[in-house]
Amino acid sequence: MKYGIALFPSKKIQDFANSYRKRYDSHYSLIPPHLTLKSTFEASDEEIQTIVKELWKIAEDTELIPLKITKFSSFYPVNNVIYLKVEPNETLQKLHKQFYSGIFTDKPEYAFVPHITIGQSLSDAEHADIYGQLKMQDVYFEETVDRFHLLYQLENGSWTVYETFHVGKEQE
């Protein structure tokens, strides 16, 4: 089965992202707005039980996750993805690193750029037009997230939560 690890921002941010995603994101109906911490990986039923135990350990040792969204950005020319830029921070970087080490033997396909996708599968002309308009807009959200999720992919291509992991270890 295919799995992934992501966090979901607040409803306010999801509603904002969805106002664009419903027009520009080919995956709009498959998954809510999210920040991917570990991209798609395969695991058997036995392996996923070990992974769940490891994720609980990681969650116990993780502080609340700050999210600061500051602008629209794009991965062009690598691909025509438009996204909400999430400012990198130590907590996000540490989580991403942990999800690609230890029992996780795969390596990330791309450097970690925290983001929430709002547009993909766009032609070059569509990308240029849409991004040209969006990059002029002011965007600012700041919040704290207290959980991340192990997701799995259904046969129809959509993603659903397999398990939720609460973070927020006590500050010393």
C-alpha atoms as a PDB file:
ATOM      1  CA  MET A   1       0.000   0.000   0.000  1.00  0.00           C
ATOM      2  CA  LYS A   2       1.093   3.597  -0.625  1.00  0.00           C
ATOM      3  CA  TYR A   3       1.571   5.898   2.356  1.00  0.00           C
ATOM      4  CA  GLY A   4       2.692   9.460   2.984  1.00  0.00           C
ATOM      5  CA  ILE A   5       3.177  11.781   5.959  1.00  0.00           C
ATOM      6  CA  ALA A   6       1.677  15.263   5.985  1.00  0.00           C
ATOM      7  CA  LEU A   7       0.285  17.950   8.199  1.00  0.00           C
ATOM      8  CA  PHE A   8      -2.910  19.848   7.601  1.00  0.00           C
ATOM      9  CA  PRO A   9      -3.084  23.580   8.337  1.00  0.00           C
ATOM     10  CA  SER A  10      -6.082  25.236   9.995  1.00  0.00           C
ATOM     11  CA  LYS A  11      -9.463  25.462   8.273  1.00  0.00           C
ATOM     12  CA  LYS A  12      -8.776  29.152   7.579  1.00  0.00           C
ATOM     13  CA  ILE A  13      -5.650  28.315   5.563  1.00  0.00           C
ATOM     14  CA  GLN A  14      -7.292  25.293   3.933  1.00  0.00           C
ATOM     15  CA  ASP A  15     -10.233  27.447   2.809  1.00  0.00           C
ATOM     16  CA  PHE A  16      -7.825  30.051   1.390  1.00  0.00           C
ATOM     17  CA  ALA A  17      -5.781  27.372  -0.431  1.00  0.00           C
ATOM     18  CA  ASN A  18      -8.918  25.636  -1.728  1.00  0.00           C
ATOM     19  CA  SER A  19     -10.218  28.871  -3.239  1.00  0.00           C
ATOM     20  CA  TYR A  20      -7.296  28.489  -5.694  1.00  0.00           C
ATOM     21  CA  ARG A  21      -6.928  24.697  -5.713  1.00  0.00           C
ATOM     22  CA  LYS A  22     -10.432  24.073  -7.025  1.00  0.00           C
ATOM     23  CA  ARG A  23      -9.431  25.976 -10.180  1.00  0.00           C
ATOM     24  CA  TYR A  24      -5.721  25.168 -10.517  1.00  0.00           C
ATOM     25  CA  ASP A  25      -4.898  21.882  -8.741  1.00  0.00           C
ATOM     26  CA  SER A  26      -5.557  18.597 -10.568  1.00  0.00           C
ATOM     27  CA  HIS A  27      -5.374  16.808  -7.171  1.00  0.00           C
ATOM     28  CA  TYR A  28      -8.023  19.035  -5.556  1.00  0.00           C
ATOM     29  CA  SER A  29     -10.502  16.184  -5.050  1.00  0.00           C
ATOM     30  CA  LEU A  30      -7.878  13.649  -3.885  1.00  0.00           C
ATOM     31  CA  ILE A  31      -6.474  15.312  -0.741  1.00  0.00           C
ATOM     32  CA  PRO A  32      -7.132  18.459   1.332  1.00  0.00           C
ATOM     33  CA  PRO A  33      -4.533  21.276   1.383  1.00  0.00           C
ATOM     34  CA  HIS A  34      -1.473  19.931   3.167  1.00  0.00           C
ATOM     35  CA  LEU A  35       2.243  20.233   3.755  1.00  0.00           C
ATOM     36  CA  THR A  36       4.045  17.019   2.757  1.00  0.00           C
ATOM     37  CA  LEU A  37       6.644  15.893   5.295  1.00  0.00           C
ATOM     38  CA  LYS A  38       7.377  12.560   3.589  1.00  0.00           C
ATOM     39  CA  SER A  39       6.313  11.832   0.040  1.00  0.00           C
ATOM     40  CA  THR A  40       4.695   8.604  -1.133  1.00  0.00           C
ATOM     41  CA  PHE A  41       6.296   5.359   0.003  1.00  0.00           C
ATOM     42  CA  GLU A  42       5.278   1.697  -0.122  1.00  0.00           C
ATOM     43  CA  ALA A  43       4.877  -0.425   3.026  1.00  0.00           C
ATOM     44  CA  SER A  44       3.364  -3.818   3.851  1.00  0.00           C
ATOM     45  CA  ASP A  45       0.854  -4.304   6.689  1.00  0.00           C
ATOM     46  CA  GLU A  46       3.681  -5.611   8.906  1.00  0.00           C
ATOM     47  CA  GLU A  47       6.040  -2.745   8.022  1.00  0.00           C
ATOM     48  CA  ILE A  48       3.403  -0.117   8.691  1.00  0.00           C
ATOM     49  CA  GLN A  49       2.979  -1.336  12.292  1.00  0.00           C
ATOM     50  CA  THR A  50       6.705  -0.758  12.900  1.00  0.00           C
ATOM     51  CA  ILE A  51       6.485   2.626  11.180  1.00  0.00           C
ATOM     52  CA  VAL A  52       3.499   3.664  13.348  1.00  0.00           C
ATOM     53  CA  LYS A  53       5.493   2.855  16.524  1.00  0.00           C
ATOM     54  CA  GLU A  54       8.417   4.921  15.214  1.00  0.00           C
ATOM     55  CA  LEU A  55       6.111   7.828  14.338  1.00  0.00           C
ATOM     56  CA  TRP A  56       4.724   7.850  17.896  1.00  0.00           C
ATOM     57  CA  LYS A  57       8.302   8.112  19.216  1.00  0.00           C
ATOM     58  CA  ILE A  58       9.044  10.984  16.829  1.00  0.00           C
ATOM     59  CA  ALA A  59       5.785  12.754  17.788  1.00  0.00           C
ATOM     60  CA  GLU A  60       6.575  12.449  21.521  1.00  0.00           C
ATOM     61  CA  ASP A  61       9.886  14.196  20.924  1.00  0.00           C
ATOM     62  CA  THR A  62       8.507  16.968  18.685  1.00  0.00           C
ATOM     63  CA  GLU A  63       7.479  20.430  19.794  1.00  0.00           C
ATOM     64  CA  LEU A  64       4.447  22.228  18.402  1.00  0.00           C
ATOM     65  CA  ILE A  65       4.993  22.940  14.711  1.00  0.00           C
ATOM     66  CA  PRO A  66       5.082  26.611  13.719  1.00  0.00           C
ATOM     67  CA  LEU A  67       3.696  27.478  10.275  1.00  0.00           C
ATOM     68  CA  LYS A  68       4.331  30.872   8.708  1.00  0.00           C
ATOM     69  CA  ILE A  69       3.037  31.381   5.169  1.00  0.00           C
ATOM     70  CA  THR A  70       4.431  34.466   3.493  1.00  0.00           C
ATOM     71  CA  LYS A  71       3.786  34.399  -0.259  1.00  0.00           C
ATOM     72  CA  PHE A  72       2.853  32.525  -3.411  1.00  0.00           C
ATOM     73  CA  SER A  73       5.800  30.850  -5.102  1.00  0.00           C
ATOM     74  CA  SER A  74       6.565  28.354  -7.862  1.00  0.00           C
ATOM     75  CA  PHE A  75       8.879  25.450  -8.658  1.00  0.00           C
ATOM     76  CA  TYR A  76       9.202  26.664 -12.269  1.00  0.00           C
ATOM     77  CA  PRO A  77      11.259  25.731 -14.341  1.00  0.00           C
ATOM     78  CA  VAL A  78      11.559  22.307 -12.610  1.00  0.00           C
ATOM     79  CA  ASN A  79       7.784  21.909 -12.862  1.00  0.00           C
ATOM     80  CA  ASN A  80       4.707  24.115 -13.160  1.00  0.00           C
ATOM     81  CA  VAL A  81       3.630  23.853  -9.519  1.00  0.00           C
ATOM     82  CA  ILE A  82       2.383  26.989  -7.740  1.00  0.00           C
ATOM     83  CA  TYR A  83       2.295  26.923  -3.953  1.00  0.00           C
ATOM     84  CA  LEU A  84       1.937  28.823  -0.718  1.00  0.00           C
ATOM     85  CA  LYS A  85       5.450  29.186   0.667  1.00  0.00           C
ATOM     86  CA  VAL A  86       5.829  27.979   4.247  1.00  0.00           C
ATOM     87  CA  GLU A  87       8.901  29.542   5.842  1.00  0.00           C
ATOM     88  CA  PRO A  88      11.377  26.795   6.806  1.00  0.00           C
ATOM     89  CA  ASN A  89      11.946  26.333  10.532  1.00  0.00           C
ATOM     90  CA  GLU A  90      13.884  23.966  12.768  1.00  0.00           C
ATOM     91  CA  THR A  91      10.861  21.824  13.714  1.00  0.00           C
ATOM     92  CA  LEU A  92       9.812  21.189  10.098  1.00  0.00           C
ATOM     93  CA  GLN A  93      13.409  20.496   9.033  1.00  0.00           C
ATOM     94  CA  LYS A  94      13.925  18.065  11.921  1.00  0.00           C
ATOM     95  CA  LEU A  95      10.690  16.173  11.163  1.00  0.00           C
ATOM     96  CA  HIS A  96      11.539  15.880   7.477  1.00  0.00           C
ATOM     97  CA  LYS A  97      15.036  14.617   8.321  1.00  0.00           C
ATOM     98  CA  GLN A  98      13.629  12.031  10.768  1.00  0.00           C
ATOM     99  CA  PHE A  99      11.192  10.760   8.125  1.00  0.00           C
ATOM    100  CA  TYR A 100      14.145   9.949   5.843  1.00  0.00           C
ATOM    101  CA  SER A 101      16.453   8.290   8.380  1.00  0.00           C
ATOM    102  CA  GLY A 102      16.429   5.366  10.811  1.00  0.00           C
ATOM    103  CA  ILE A 103      13.811   2.829   9.701  1.00  0.00           C
ATOM    104  CA  PHE A 104      13.009   4.996   6.645  1.00  0.00           C
ATOM    105  CA  THR A 105      15.610   3.923   4.125  1.00  0.00           C
ATOM    106  CA  ASP A 106      14.355   5.870   1.088  1.00  0.00           C
ATOM    107  CA  LYS A 107      15.810   9.228   0.120  1.00  0.00           C
ATOM    108  CA  PRO A 108      13.804  12.354  -0.753  1.00  0.00           C
ATOM    109  CA  GLU A 109      13.348  13.016  -4.473  1.00  0.00           C
ATOM    110  CA  TYR A 110      13.749  16.783  -3.997  1.00  0.00           C
ATOM    111  CA  ALA A 111      15.305  19.128  -1.457  1.00  0.00           C
ATOM    112  CA  PHE A 112      12.770  19.909   1.287  1.00  0.00           C
ATOM    113  CA  VAL A 113      10.879  23.104   0.481  1.00  0.00           C
ATOM    114  CA  PRO A 114       7.950  23.414   2.917  1.00  0.00           C
ATOM    115  CA  HIS A 115       4.872  24.379   0.901  1.00  0.00           C
ATOM    116  CA  ILE A 116       1.147  23.903   0.326  1.00  0.00           C
ATOM    117  CA  THR A 117       0.410  23.225  -3.346  1.00  0.00           C
ATOM    118  CA  ILE A 118      -2.359  25.317  -4.887  1.00  0.00           C
ATOM    119  CA  GLY A 119      -1.753  24.637  -8.583  1.00  0.00           C
ATOM    120  CA  GLN A 120      -0.251  21.786 -10.624  1.00  0.00           C
ATOM    121  CA  SER A 121      -0.538  20.089 -14.026  1.00  0.00           C
ATOM    122  CA  LEU A 122      -0.626  23.574 -15.587  1.00  0.00           C
ATOM    123  CA  SER A 123       0.576  24.322 -19.116  1.00  0.00           C
ATOM    124  CA  ASP A 124       3.466  26.779 -19.430  1.00  0.00           C
ATOM    125  CA  ALA A 125       1.052  29.514 -20.538  1.00  0.00           C
ATOM    126  CA  GLU A 126      -1.420  28.813 -17.706  1.00  0.00           C
ATOM    127  CA  HIS A 127       1.425  28.755 -15.183  1.00  0.00           C
ATOM    128  CA  ALA A 128       2.853  32.063 -16.412  1.00  0.00           C
ATOM    129  CA  ASP A 129      -0.561  33.752 -16.388  1.00  0.00           C
ATOM    130  CA  ILE A 130      -1.741  32.454 -12.991  1.00  0.00           C
ATOM    131  CA  TYR A 131       1.589  32.851 -11.197  1.00  0.00           C
ATOM    132  CA  GLY A 132       2.007  36.313 -12.690  1.00  0.00           C
ATOM    133  CA  GLN A 133      -1.248  37.349 -11.003  1.00  0.00           C
ATOM    134  CA  LEU A 134      -0.745  35.527  -7.690  1.00  0.00           C
ATOM    135  CA  LYS A 135       2.812  36.641  -6.959  1.00  0.00           C
ATOM    136  CA  MET A 136       1.563  40.251  -6.765  1.00  0.00           C
ATOM    137  CA  GLN A 137      -0.780  39.416  -3.874  1.00  0.00           C
ATOM    138  CA  ASP A 138       0.105  39.799  -0.222  1.00  0.00           C
ATOM    139  CA  VAL A 139      -0.241  36.571   1.754  1.00  0.00           C
ATOM    140  CA  TYR A 140       0.420  36.128   5.439  1.00  0.00           C
ATOM    141  CA  PHE A 141      -0.695  33.423   7.840  1.00  0.00           C
ATOM    142  CA  GLU A 142       0.944  32.370  11.076  1.00  0.00           C
ATOM    143  CA  GLU A 143      -0.189  29.510  13.289  1.00  0.00           C
ATOM    144  CA  THR A 144       0.895  26.463  15.230  1.00  0.00           C
ATOM    145  CA  VAL A 145       0.028  22.878  14.299  1.00  0.00           C
ATOM    146  CA  ASP A 146      -0.143  20.179  16.985  1.00  0.00           C
ATOM    147  CA  ARG A 147      -0.268  17.005  14.864  1.00  0.00           C
ATOM    148  CA  PHE A 148       0.909  15.248  11.746  1.00  0.00           C
ATOM    149  CA  HIS A 149      -0.758  12.382   9.898  1.00  0.00           C
ATOM    150  CA  LEU A 150       0.160   9.090   8.302  1.00  0.00           C
ATOM    151  CA  LEU A 151      -2.004   8.888   5.170  1.00  0.00           C
ATOM    152  CA  TYR A 152      -2.713   6.040   2.796  1.00  0.00           C
ATOM    153  CA  GLN A 153      -3.893   6.051  -0.784  1.00  0.00           C
ATOM    154  CA  LEU A 154      -7.204   4.465  -1.749  1.00  0.00           C
ATOM    155  CA  GLU A 155      -7.776   2.649  -5.031  1.00  0.00           C
ATOM    156  CA  ASN A 156      -9.443   5.734  -6.543  1.00  0.00           C
ATOM    157  CA  GLY A 157      -6.243   7.753  -5.939  1.00  0.00           C
ATOM    158  CA  SER A 158      -7.577   9.752  -3.006  1.00  0.00           C
ATOM    159  CA  TRP A 159      -5.754   9.932   0.331  1.00  0.00           C
ATOM    160  CA  THR A 160      -7.197   9.320   3.790  1.00  0.00           C
ATOM    161  CA  VAL A 161      -5.776   9.426   7.313  1.00  0.00           C
ATOM    162  CA  TYR A 162      -4.421   6.106   8.619  1.00  0.00           C
ATOM    163  CA  GLU A 163      -3.297   7.513  11.986  1.00  0.00           C
ATOM    164  CA  THR A 164      -2.831  10.931  13.605  1.00  0.00           C
ATOM    165  CA  PHE A 165       0.168  11.771  15.798  1.00  0.00           C
ATOM    166  CA  HIS A 166      -0.113  14.598  18.331  1.00  0.00           C
ATOM    167  CA  VAL A 167       3.030  16.614  19.044  1.00  0.00           C
ATOM    168  CA  GLY A 168       3.837  19.256  21.618  1.00  0.00           C
ATOM    169  CA  LYS A 169       6.301  17.899  24.129  1.00  0.00           C
ATOM    170  CA  GLU A 170       6.467  19.854  27.331  1.00  0.00           C
ATOM    171  CA  GLN A 171       8.942  22.721  27.255  1.00  0.00           C
ATOM    172  CA  GLU A 172      11.716  22.334  29.818  1.00  0.00           C
END
